[in-house]
């Protein structure tokens, strides 16, 4: 299992809306993520800065390469673009984080 961590940026004042949207995550998106081998997916918020920290485990990181081309993924990005920093294609600006410590 591979561990992947990244950070994103939420716009100020949208903490409750971000939570609300993720509490009602679309079943078809959740299925797509699971079918891609993603497990143990968490997102944490640092309220003072709006920084989001994402962590997931995936069996094959290469399987995630197809996600940006999936219709449901593009729809989710479009749905989220008004409350967070995004790229030109509406995907979230996501900065990979390097693992420097892990304890089993």
PDB file of N, CA and C in Angstrom:
ATOM      1  N   UNK A   1       0.848  -1.173   0.000  1.00  0.00           N
ATOM      2  CA  UNK A   1       0.000   0.000   0.000  1.00  0.00           C
ATOM      3  C   UNK A   1       0.895   1.238   0.000  1.00  0.00           C
ATOM      4  N   UNK A   2       0.573   2.198  -0.824  1.00  0.00           N
ATOM      5  CA  UNK A   2       1.320   3.451  -0.924  1.00  0.00           C
ATOM      6  C   UNK A   2       0.550   4.561  -0.204  1.00  0.00           C
ATOM      7  N   UNK A   3       1.268   5.377   0.539  1.00  0.00           N
ATOM      8  CA  UNK A   3       0.683   6.511   1.249  1.00  0.00           C
ATOM      9  C   UNK A   3       0.975   7.781   0.451  1.00  0.00           C
ATOM     10  N   UNK A   4      -0.032   8.598   0.255  1.00  0.00           N
ATOM     11  CA  UNK A   4       0.114   9.848  -0.486  1.00  0.00           C
ATOM     12  C   UNK A   4      -0.475  10.972   0.354  1.00  0.00           C
ATOM     13  N   UNK A   5       0.271  12.064   0.454  1.00  0.00           N
ATOM     14  CA  UNK A   5      -0.205  13.238   1.196  1.00  0.00           C
ATOM     15  C   UNK A   5      -0.029  14.470   0.312  1.00  0.00           C
ATOM     16  N   UNK A   6      -0.929  15.418   0.485  1.00  0.00           N
ATOM     17  CA  UNK A   6      -0.894  16.632  -0.317  1.00  0.00           C
ATOM     18  C   UNK A   6      -1.620  17.739   0.433  1.00  0.00           C
ATOM     19  N   UNK A   7      -1.379  18.986  -0.022  1.00  0.00           N
ATOM     20  CA  UNK A   7      -2.123  20.086   0.586  1.00  0.00           C
ATOM     21  C   UNK A   7      -2.834  20.870  -0.502  1.00  0.00           C
ATOM     22  N   UNK A   8      -3.938  21.477  -0.102  1.00  0.00           N
ATOM     23  CA  UNK A   8      -4.759  22.311  -0.969  1.00  0.00           C
ATOM     24  C   UNK A   8      -5.134  23.554  -0.168  1.00  0.00           C
ATOM     25  N   UNK A   9      -5.822  24.489  -0.804  1.00  0.00           N
ATOM     26  CA  UNK A   9      -6.167  25.744  -0.127  1.00  0.00           C
ATOM     27  C   UNK A   9      -7.651  26.038  -0.281  1.00  0.00           C
ATOM     28  N   UNK A  10      -8.316  26.217   0.846  1.00  0.00           N
ATOM     29  CA  UNK A  10      -9.729  26.567   0.892  1.00  0.00           C
ATOM     30  C   UNK A  10      -9.856  28.084   0.997  1.00  0.00           C
ATOM     31  N   UNK A  11     -10.811  28.651   0.282  1.00  0.00           N
ATOM     32  CA  UNK A  11     -11.048  30.089   0.393  1.00  0.00           C
ATOM     33  C   UNK A  11     -11.586  30.423   1.780  1.00  0.00           C
ATOM     34  N   UNK A  12     -11.211  31.579   2.274  1.00  0.00           N
ATOM     35  CA  UNK A  12     -11.619  32.030   3.595  1.00  0.00           C
ATOM     36  C   UNK A  12     -13.145  32.090   3.719  1.00  0.00           C
ATOM     37  N   UNK A  13     -13.646  31.560   4.816  1.00  0.00           N
ATOM     38  CA  UNK A  13     -15.076  31.622   5.105  1.00  0.00           C
ATOM     39  C   UNK A  13     -15.891  30.476   4.546  1.00  0.00           C
ATOM     40  N   UNK A  14     -15.260  29.514   3.882  1.00  0.00           N
ATOM     41  CA  UNK A  14     -15.995  28.409   3.263  1.00  0.00           C
ATOM     42  C   UNK A  14     -15.801  27.074   3.989  1.00  0.00           C
ATOM     43  N   UNK A  15     -15.361  27.131   5.229  1.00  0.00           N
ATOM     44  CA  UNK A  15     -15.116  25.906   5.988  1.00  0.00           C
ATOM     45  C   UNK A  15     -16.383  25.058   6.126  1.00  0.00           C
ATOM     46  N   UNK A  16     -17.481  25.674   6.508  1.00  0.00           N
ATOM     47  CA  UNK A  16     -18.737  24.933   6.701  1.00  0.00           C
ATOM     48  C   UNK A  16     -19.250  24.375   5.373  1.00  0.00           C
ATOM     49  N   UNK A  17     -19.131  25.142   4.311  1.00  0.00           N
ATOM     50  CA  UNK A  17     -19.592  24.679   2.999  1.00  0.00           C
ATOM     51  C   UNK A  17     -18.748  23.507   2.499  1.00  0.00           C
ATOM     52  N   UNK A  18     -17.448  23.576   2.710  1.00  0.00           N
ATOM     53  CA  UNK A  18     -16.561  22.473   2.318  1.00  0.00           C
ATOM     54  C   UNK A  18     -16.964  21.202   3.056  1.00  0.00           C
ATOM     55  N   UNK A  19     -17.181  21.330   4.364  1.00  0.00           N
ATOM     56  CA  UNK A  19     -17.606  20.190   5.182  1.00  0.00           C
ATOM     57  C   UNK A  19     -18.941  19.639   4.685  1.00  0.00           C
ATOM     58  N   UNK A  20     -19.884  20.526   4.426  1.00  0.00           N
ATOM     59  CA  UNK A  20     -21.219  20.124   3.961  1.00  0.00           C
ATOM     60  C   UNK A  20     -21.137  19.332   2.660  1.00  0.00           C
ATOM     61  N   UNK A  21     -20.350  19.822   1.720  1.00  0.00           N
ATOM     62  CA  UNK A  21     -20.227  19.137   0.429  1.00  0.00           C
ATOM     63  C   UNK A  21     -19.573  17.768   0.569  1.00  0.00           C
ATOM     64  N   UNK A  22     -18.610  17.650   1.456  1.00  0.00           N
ATOM     65  CA  UNK A  22     -17.964  16.353   1.640  1.00  0.00           C
ATOM     66  C   UNK A  22     -18.808  15.397   2.478  1.00  0.00           C
ATOM     67  N   UNK A  23     -19.632  15.932   3.352  1.00  0.00           N
ATOM     68  CA  UNK A  23     -20.549  15.074   4.103  1.00  0.00           C
ATOM     69  C   UNK A  23     -21.553  14.407   3.163  1.00  0.00           C
ATOM     70  N   UNK A  24     -21.813  15.055   2.040  1.00  0.00           N
ATOM     71  CA  UNK A  24     -22.773  14.526   1.054  1.00  0.00           C
ATOM     72  C   UNK A  24     -22.053  14.130  -0.236  1.00  0.00           C
ATOM     73  N   UNK A  25     -20.849  13.575  -0.097  1.00  0.00           N
ATOM     74  CA  UNK A  25     -20.073  13.203  -1.290  1.00  0.00           C
ATOM     75  C   UNK A  25     -20.911  12.289  -2.180  1.00  0.00           C
ATOM     76  N   UNK A  26     -20.813  12.509  -3.461  1.00  0.00           N
ATOM     77  CA  UNK A  26     -21.608  11.739  -4.415  1.00  0.00           C
ATOM     78  C   UNK A  26     -21.211  10.263  -4.389  1.00  0.00           C
ATOM     79  N   UNK A  27     -22.181   9.363  -4.328  1.00  0.00           N
ATOM     80  CA  UNK A  27     -21.867   7.924  -4.320  1.00  0.00           C
ATOM     81  C   UNK A  27     -21.044   7.497  -5.540  1.00  0.00           C
ATOM     82  N   UNK A  28     -21.321   8.085  -6.710  1.00  0.00           N
ATOM     83  CA  UNK A  28     -20.570   7.690  -7.902  1.00  0.00           C
ATOM     84  C   UNK A  28     -19.111   8.143  -7.831  1.00  0.00           C
ATOM     85  N   UNK A  29     -18.840   9.240  -7.139  1.00  0.00           N
ATOM     86  CA  UNK A  29     -17.456   9.676  -6.952  1.00  0.00           C
ATOM     87  C   UNK A  29     -16.748   8.761  -5.957  1.00  0.00           C
ATOM     88  N   UNK A  30     -17.426   8.439  -4.883  1.00  0.00           N
ATOM     89  CA  UNK A  30     -16.850   7.538  -3.894  1.00  0.00           C
ATOM     90  C   UNK A  30     -16.549   6.171  -4.523  1.00  0.00           C
ATOM     91  N   UNK A  31     -17.441   5.686  -5.364  1.00  0.00           N
ATOM     92  CA  UNK A  31     -17.213   4.410  -6.054  1.00  0.00           C
ATOM     93  C   UNK A  31     -16.002   4.497  -6.975  1.00  0.00           C
ATOM     94  N   UNK A  32     -15.887   5.591  -7.719  1.00  0.00           N
ATOM     95  CA  UNK A  32     -14.752   5.775  -8.619  1.00  0.00           C
ATOM     96  C   UNK A  32     -13.435   5.755  -7.846  1.00  0.00           C
ATOM     97  N   UNK A  33     -13.394   6.449  -6.730  1.00  0.00           N
ATOM     98  CA  UNK A  33     -12.171   6.484  -5.930  1.00  0.00           C
ATOM     99  C   UNK A  33     -11.815   5.097  -5.417  1.00  0.00           C
ATOM    100  N   UNK A  34     -12.796   4.371  -4.937  1.00  0.00           N
ATOM    101  CA  UNK A  34     -12.548   3.009  -4.448  1.00  0.00           C
ATOM    102  C   UNK A  34     -12.121   2.072  -5.576  1.00  0.00           C
ATOM    103  N   UNK A  35     -12.764   2.203  -6.739  1.00  0.00           N
ATOM    104  CA  UNK A  35     -12.403   1.370  -7.884  1.00  0.00           C
ATOM    105  C   UNK A  35     -10.988   1.665  -8.365  1.00  0.00           C
ATOM    106  N   UNK A  36     -10.491   2.861  -8.080  1.00  0.00           N
ATOM    107  CA  UNK A  36      -9.125   3.237  -8.449  1.00  0.00           C
ATOM    108  C   UNK A  36      -8.103   2.744  -7.428  1.00  0.00           C
ATOM    109  N   UNK A  37      -8.571   2.043  -6.410  1.00  0.00           N
ATOM    110  CA  UNK A  37      -7.679   1.477  -5.407  1.00  0.00           C
ATOM    111  C   UNK A  37      -7.397   2.396  -4.231  1.00  0.00           C
ATOM    112  N   UNK A  38      -8.144   3.492  -4.123  1.00  0.00           N
ATOM    113  CA  UNK A  38      -7.934   4.436  -3.030  1.00  0.00           C
ATOM    114  C   UNK A  38      -8.664   3.948  -1.783  1.00  0.00           C
ATOM    115  N   UNK A  39      -7.936   3.990  -0.674  1.00  0.00           N
ATOM    116  CA  UNK A  39      -8.485   3.599   0.621  1.00  0.00           C
ATOM    117  C   UNK A  39      -8.047   4.634   1.656  1.00  0.00           C
ATOM    118  N   UNK A  40      -8.684   4.596   2.805  1.00  0.00           N
ATOM    119  CA  UNK A  40      -8.252   5.426   3.929  1.00  0.00           C
ATOM    120  C   UNK A  40      -7.998   6.874   3.514  1.00  0.00           C
ATOM    121  N   UNK A  41      -8.957   7.487   2.855  1.00  0.00           N
ATOM    122  CA  UNK A  41      -8.827   8.853   2.358  1.00  0.00           C
ATOM    123  C   UNK A  41      -9.365   9.825   3.403  1.00  0.00           C
ATOM    124  N   UNK A  42      -8.512  10.755   3.839  1.00  0.00           N
ATOM    125  CA  UNK A  42      -8.902  11.766   4.822  1.00  0.00           C
ATOM    126  C   UNK A  42      -8.451  13.132   4.345  1.00  0.00           C
ATOM    127  N   UNK A  43      -9.212  14.148   4.702  1.00  0.00           N
ATOM    128  CA  UNK A  43      -8.818  15.529   4.460  1.00  0.00           C
ATOM    129  C   UNK A  43      -8.989  16.276   5.782  1.00  0.00           C
ATOM    130  N   UNK A  44      -7.944  17.005   6.162  1.00  0.00           N
ATOM    131  CA  UNK A  44      -7.937  17.757   7.407  1.00  0.00           C
ATOM    132  C   UNK A  44      -7.841  19.241   7.083  1.00  0.00           C
ATOM    133  N   UNK A  45      -8.455  20.067   7.915  1.00  0.00           N
ATOM    134  CA  UNK A  45      -8.453  21.518   7.726  1.00  0.00           C
ATOM    135  C   UNK A  45      -7.682  22.206   8.841  1.00  0.00           C
ATOM    136  N   UNK A  46      -6.800  23.128   8.460  1.00  0.00           N
ATOM    137  CA  UNK A  46      -6.169  24.033   9.408  1.00  0.00           C
ATOM    138  C   UNK A  46      -6.962  25.340   9.332  1.00  0.00           C
ATOM    139  N   UNK A  47      -7.876  25.539  10.269  1.00  0.00           N
ATOM    140  CA  UNK A  47      -8.830  26.654  10.195  1.00  0.00           C
ATOM    141  C   UNK A  47      -8.163  28.018  10.098  1.00  0.00           C
ATOM    142  N   UNK A  48      -7.070  28.218  10.797  1.00  0.00           N
ATOM    143  CA  UNK A  48      -6.423  29.534  10.825  1.00  0.00           C
ATOM    144  C   UNK A  48      -5.909  29.970   9.456  1.00  0.00           C
ATOM    145  N   UNK A  49      -5.539  29.010   8.602  1.00  0.00           N
ATOM    146  CA  UNK A  49      -4.934  29.337   7.307  1.00  0.00           C
ATOM    147  C   UNK A  49      -5.785  28.934   6.108  1.00  0.00           C
ATOM    148  N   UNK A  50      -6.750  28.046   6.317  1.00  0.00           N
ATOM    149  CA  UNK A  50      -7.523  27.504   5.206  1.00  0.00           C
ATOM    150  C   UNK A  50      -6.789  26.407   4.458  1.00  0.00           C
ATOM    151  N   UNK A  51      -5.645  25.990   4.991  1.00  0.00           N
ATOM    152  CA  UNK A  51      -4.912  24.896   4.360  1.00  0.00           C
ATOM    153  C   UNK A  51      -5.625  23.575   4.608  1.00  0.00           C
ATOM    154  N   UNK A  52      -5.725  22.797   3.553  1.00  0.00           N
ATOM    155  CA  UNK A  52      -6.293  21.458   3.636  1.00  0.00           C
ATOM    156  C   UNK A  52      -5.150  20.467   3.466  1.00  0.00           C
ATOM    157  N   UNK A  53      -5.139  19.437   4.283  1.00  0.00           N
ATOM    158  CA  UNK A  53      -4.139  18.385   4.209  1.00  0.00           C
ATOM    159  C   UNK A  53      -4.851  17.096   3.855  1.00  0.00           C
ATOM    160  N   UNK A  54      -4.512  16.530   2.716  1.00  0.00           N
ATOM    161  CA  UNK A  54      -5.117  15.278   2.279  1.00  0.00           C
ATOM    162  C   UNK A  54      -4.167  14.121   2.467  1.00  0.00           C
ATOM    163  N   UNK A  55      -4.718  12.999   2.859  1.00  0.00           N
ATOM    164  CA  UNK A  55      -3.934  11.773   3.036  1.00  0.00           C
ATOM    165  C   UNK A  55      -4.760  10.612   2.516  1.00  0.00           C
ATOM    166  N   UNK A  56      -4.119   9.768   1.714  1.00  0.00           N
ATOM    167  CA  UNK A  56      -4.809   8.576   1.244  1.00  0.00           C
ATOM    168  C   UNK A  56      -3.831   7.435   1.087  1.00  0.00           C
ATOM    169  N   UNK A  57      -4.390   6.261   1.034  1.00  0.00           N
ATOM    170  CA  UNK A  57      -3.616   5.064   0.732  1.00  0.00           C
ATOM    171  C   UNK A  57      -4.163   4.501  -0.564  1.00  0.00           C
ATOM    172  N   UNK A  58      -3.247   4.050  -1.419  1.00  0.00           N
ATOM    173  CA  UNK A  58      -3.649   3.513  -2.713  1.00  0.00           C
ATOM    174  C   UNK A  58      -2.774   2.302  -3.033  1.00  0.00           C
ATOM    175  N   UNK A  59      -3.400   1.290  -3.614  1.00  0.00           N
ATOM    176  CA  UNK A  59      -2.658   0.079  -3.946  1.00  0.00           C
ATOM    177  C   UNK A  59      -1.679   0.321  -5.087  1.00  0.00           C
ATOM    178  N   UNK A  60      -2.080   1.104  -6.089  1.00  0.00           N
ATOM    179  CA  UNK A  60      -1.231   1.399  -7.245  1.00  0.00           C
ATOM    180  C   UNK A  60      -1.377   2.873  -7.603  1.00  0.00           C
ATOM    181  N   UNK A  61      -0.394   3.704  -7.257  1.00  0.00           N
ATOM    182  CA  UNK A  61      -0.512   5.138  -7.537  1.00  0.00           C
ATOM    183  C   UNK A  61      -0.753   5.452  -9.013  1.00  0.00           C
ATOM    184  N   UNK A  62      -0.280   4.630  -9.921  1.00  0.00           N
ATOM    185  CA  UNK A  62      -0.490   4.863 -11.354  1.00  0.00           C
ATOM    186  C   UNK A  62      -1.971   4.794 -11.721  1.00  0.00           C
ATOM    187  N   UNK A  63      -2.770   4.058 -10.949  1.00  0.00           N
ATOM    188  CA  UNK A  63      -4.205   3.943 -11.226  1.00  0.00           C
ATOM    189  C   UNK A  63      -4.904   5.289 -11.054  1.00  0.00           C
ATOM    190  N   UNK A  64      -4.303   6.180 -10.297  1.00  0.00           N
ATOM    191  CA  UNK A  64      -4.897   7.501 -10.074  1.00  0.00           C
ATOM    192  C   UNK A  64      -4.728   8.415 -11.292  1.00  0.00           C
ATOM    193  N   UNK A  65      -3.841   8.056 -12.208  1.00  0.00           N
ATOM    194  CA  UNK A  65      -3.597   8.882 -13.397  1.00  0.00           C
ATOM    195  C   UNK A  65      -4.833   9.029 -14.272  1.00  0.00           C
ATOM    196  N   UNK A  66      -5.746   8.076 -14.213  1.00  0.00           N
ATOM    197  CA  UNK A  66      -6.958   8.124 -15.031  1.00  0.00           C
ATOM    198  C   UNK A  66      -8.049   9.012 -14.414  1.00  0.00           C
ATOM    199  N   UNK A  67      -7.950   9.319 -13.142  1.00  0.00           N
ATOM    200  CA  UNK A  67      -9.006  10.077 -12.461  1.00  0.00           C
ATOM    201  C   UNK A  67      -9.318  11.425 -13.113  1.00  0.00           C
ATOM    202  N   UNK A  68      -8.325  12.222 -13.505  1.00  0.00           N
ATOM    203  CA  UNK A  68      -8.646  13.532 -14.095  1.00  0.00           C
ATOM    204  C   UNK A  68      -9.433  13.455 -15.403  1.00  0.00           C
ATOM    205  N   UNK A  69      -9.482  12.289 -16.009  1.00  0.00           N
ATOM    206  CA  UNK A  69     -10.186  12.122 -17.280  1.00  0.00           C
ATOM    207  C   UNK A  69     -11.609  11.592 -17.094  1.00  0.00           C
ATOM    208  N   UNK A  70     -11.986  11.296 -15.871  1.00  0.00           N
ATOM    209  CA  UNK A  70     -13.304  10.738 -15.581  1.00  0.00           C
ATOM    210  C   UNK A  70     -14.337  11.865 -15.442  1.00  0.00           C
ATOM    211  N   UNK A  71     -15.484  11.659 -16.058  1.00  0.00           N
ATOM    212  CA  UNK A  71     -16.543  12.675 -16.069  1.00  0.00           C
ATOM    213  C   UNK A  71     -16.965  13.083 -14.652  1.00  0.00           C
ATOM    214  N   UNK A  72     -17.144  12.133 -13.772  1.00  0.00           N
ATOM    215  CA  UNK A  72     -17.604  12.457 -12.419  1.00  0.00           C
ATOM    216  C   UNK A  72     -16.542  13.272 -11.663  1.00  0.00           C
ATOM    217  N   UNK A  73     -15.282  13.002 -11.925  1.00  0.00           N
ATOM    218  CA  UNK A  73     -14.211  13.757 -11.279  1.00  0.00           C
ATOM    219  C   UNK A  73     -14.237  15.204 -11.757  1.00  0.00           C
ATOM    220  N   UNK A  74     -14.410  15.405 -13.055  1.00  0.00           N
ATOM    221  CA  UNK A  74     -14.493  16.760 -13.611  1.00  0.00           C
ATOM    222  C   UNK A  74     -15.710  17.508 -13.071  1.00  0.00           C
ATOM    223  N   UNK A  75     -16.827  16.793 -12.916  1.00  0.00           N
ATOM    224  CA  UNK A  75     -18.026  17.416 -12.340  1.00  0.00           C
ATOM    225  C   UNK A  75     -17.770  17.854 -10.904  1.00  0.00           C
ATOM    226  N   UNK A  76     -17.090  17.028 -10.111  1.00  0.00           N
ATOM    227  CA  UNK A  76     -16.784  17.355  -8.717  1.00  0.00           C
ATOM    228  C   UNK A  76     -15.878  18.588  -8.650  1.00  0.00           C
ATOM    229  N   UNK A  77     -14.876  18.623  -9.500  1.00  0.00           N
ATOM    230  CA  UNK A  77     -13.987  19.785  -9.513  1.00  0.00           C
ATOM    231  C   UNK A  77     -14.769  21.057  -9.832  1.00  0.00           C
ATOM    232  N   UNK A  78     -15.659  20.973 -10.806  1.00  0.00           N
ATOM    233  CA  UNK A  78     -16.475  22.123 -11.183  1.00  0.00           C
ATOM    234  C   UNK A  78     -17.342  22.565  -9.993  1.00  0.00           C
ATOM    235  N   UNK A  79     -17.876  21.599  -9.275  1.00  0.00           N
ATOM    236  CA  UNK A  79     -18.717  21.851  -8.109  1.00  0.00           C
ATOM    237  C   UNK A  79     -17.927  22.531  -6.984  1.00  0.00           C
ATOM    238  N   UNK A  80     -16.650  22.212  -6.864  1.00  0.00           N
ATOM    239  CA  UNK A  80     -15.829  22.714  -5.762  1.00  0.00           C
ATOM    240  C   UNK A  80     -15.045  23.980  -6.107  1.00  0.00           C
ATOM    241  N   UNK A  81     -14.997  24.370  -7.358  1.00  0.00           N
ATOM    242  CA  UNK A  81     -14.099  25.444  -7.791  1.00  0.00           C
ATOM    243  C   UNK A  81     -14.375  26.800  -7.151  1.00  0.00           C
ATOM    244  N   UNK A  82     -15.593  27.038  -6.706  1.00  0.00           N
ATOM    245  CA  UNK A  82     -15.919  28.344  -6.138  1.00  0.00           C
ATOM    246  C   UNK A  82     -15.446  28.520  -4.699  1.00  0.00           C
ATOM    247  N   UNK A  83     -14.983  27.452  -4.056  1.00  0.00           N
ATOM    248  CA  UNK A  83     -14.618  27.570  -2.652  1.00  0.00           C
ATOM    249  C   UNK A  83     -13.156  27.234  -2.356  1.00  0.00           C
ATOM    250  N   UNK A  84     -12.369  26.930  -3.398  1.00  0.00           N
ATOM    251  CA  UNK A  84     -10.966  26.598  -3.157  1.00  0.00           C
ATOM    252  C   UNK A  84     -10.099  27.019  -4.338  1.00  0.00           C
ATOM    253  N   UNK A  85      -8.793  27.054  -4.125  1.00  0.00           N
ATOM    254  CA  UNK A  85      -7.862  27.380  -5.195  1.00  0.00           C
ATOM    255  C   UNK A  85      -7.859  26.243  -6.218  1.00  0.00           C
ATOM    256  N   UNK A  86      -8.008  26.608  -7.496  1.00  0.00           N
ATOM    257  CA  UNK A  86      -8.048  25.603  -8.563  1.00  0.00           C
ATOM    258  C   UNK A  86      -7.139  26.007  -9.720  1.00  0.00           C
ATOM    259  N   UNK A  87      -6.810  25.023 -10.534  1.00  0.00           N
ATOM    260  CA  UNK A  87      -6.039  25.218 -11.757  1.00  0.00           C
ATOM    261  C   UNK A  87      -6.982  25.612 -12.889  1.00  0.00           C
ATOM    262  N   UNK A  88      -6.429  25.892 -14.057  1.00  0.00           N
ATOM    263  CA  UNK A  88      -7.223  26.276 -15.223  1.00  0.00           C
ATOM    264  C   UNK A  88      -8.251  25.217 -15.621  1.00  0.00           C
ATOM    265  N   UNK A  89      -7.942  23.937 -15.363  1.00  0.00           N
ATOM    266  CA  UNK A  89      -8.874  22.856 -15.712  1.00  0.00           C
ATOM    267  C   UNK A  89      -9.889  22.579 -14.594  1.00  0.00           C
ATOM    268  N   UNK A  90      -9.916  23.445 -13.586  1.00  0.00           N
ATOM    269  CA  UNK A  90     -10.805  23.380 -12.418  1.00  0.00           C
ATOM    270  C   UNK A  90     -10.383  22.340 -11.383  1.00  0.00           C
ATOM    271  N   UNK A  91      -9.300  21.618 -11.626  1.00  0.00           N
ATOM    272  CA  UNK A  91      -8.783  20.697 -10.613  1.00  0.00           C
ATOM    273  C   UNK A  91      -8.221  21.512  -9.456  1.00  0.00           C
ATOM    274  N   UNK A  92      -8.293  20.980  -8.243  1.00  0.00           N
ATOM    275  CA  UNK A  92      -7.743  21.730  -7.113  1.00  0.00           C
ATOM    276  C   UNK A  92      -6.231  21.884  -7.249  1.00  0.00           C
ATOM    277  N   UNK A  93      -5.723  23.035  -6.853  1.00  0.00           N
ATOM    278  CA  UNK A  93      -4.278  23.181  -6.745  1.00  0.00           C
ATOM    279  C   UNK A  93      -3.855  22.241  -5.625  1.00  0.00           C
ATOM    280  N   UNK A  94      -3.052  21.270  -5.956  1.00  0.00           N
ATOM    281  CA  UNK A  94      -2.667  20.221  -5.012  1.00  0.00           C
ATOM    282  C   UNK A  94      -1.145  20.115  -4.992  1.00  0.00           C
ATOM    283  N   UNK A  95      -0.574  20.341  -3.837  1.00  0.00           N
ATOM    284  CA  UNK A  95       0.874  20.308  -3.687  1.00  0.00           C
ATOM    285  C   UNK A  95       1.257  19.024  -2.969  1.00  0.00           C
ATOM    286  N   UNK A  96       2.017  18.151  -3.646  1.00  0.00           N
ATOM    287  CA  UNK A  96       2.424  16.900  -3.011  1.00  0.00           C
ATOM    288  C   UNK A  96       3.323  17.164  -1.807  1.00  0.00           C
ATOM    289  N   UNK A  97       3.171  16.341  -0.795  1.00  0.00           N
ATOM    290  CA  UNK A  97       4.011  16.420   0.393  1.00  0.00           C
ATOM    291  C   UNK A  97       4.892  15.180   0.465  1.00  0.00           C
ATOM    292  N   UNK A  98       6.137  15.389   0.844  1.00  0.00           N
ATOM    293  CA  UNK A  98       7.102  14.287   0.943  1.00  0.00           C
ATOM    294  C   UNK A  98       7.023  13.669   2.342  1.00  0.00           C
ATOM    295  N   UNK A  99       6.907  12.376   2.370  1.00  0.00           N
ATOM    296  CA  UNK A  99       6.895  11.691   3.661  1.00  0.00           C
ATOM    297  C   UNK A  99       8.299  11.714   4.241  1.00  0.00           C
ATOM    298  N   UNK A 100       8.398  12.155   5.483  1.00  0.00           N
ATOM    299  CA  UNK A 100       9.695  12.194   6.164  1.00  0.00           C
ATOM    300  C   UNK A 100       9.733  11.293   7.403  1.00  0.00           C
ATOM    301  N   UNK A 101       8.586  10.761   7.784  1.00  0.00           N
ATOM    302  CA  UNK A 101       8.538   9.850   8.931  1.00  0.00           C
ATOM    303  C   UNK A 101       7.291   9.002   8.842  1.00  0.00           C
ATOM    304  N   UNK A 102       7.420   7.738   9.182  1.00  0.00           N
ATOM    305  CA  UNK A 102       6.264   6.831   9.247  1.00  0.00           C
ATOM    306  C   UNK A 102       6.545   5.812  10.335  1.00  0.00           C
ATOM    307  N   UNK A 103       5.568   5.582  11.189  1.00  0.00           N
ATOM    308  CA  UNK A 103       5.692   4.585  12.233  1.00  0.00           C
ATOM    309  C   UNK A 103       4.560   3.593  12.107  1.00  0.00           C
ATOM    310  N   UNK A 104       4.874   2.349  12.047  1.00  0.00           N
ATOM    311  CA  UNK A 104       3.853   1.290  11.997  1.00  0.00           C
ATOM    312  C   UNK A 104       3.412   0.929  13.373  1.00  0.00           C
TER     313      UNK A 104
END
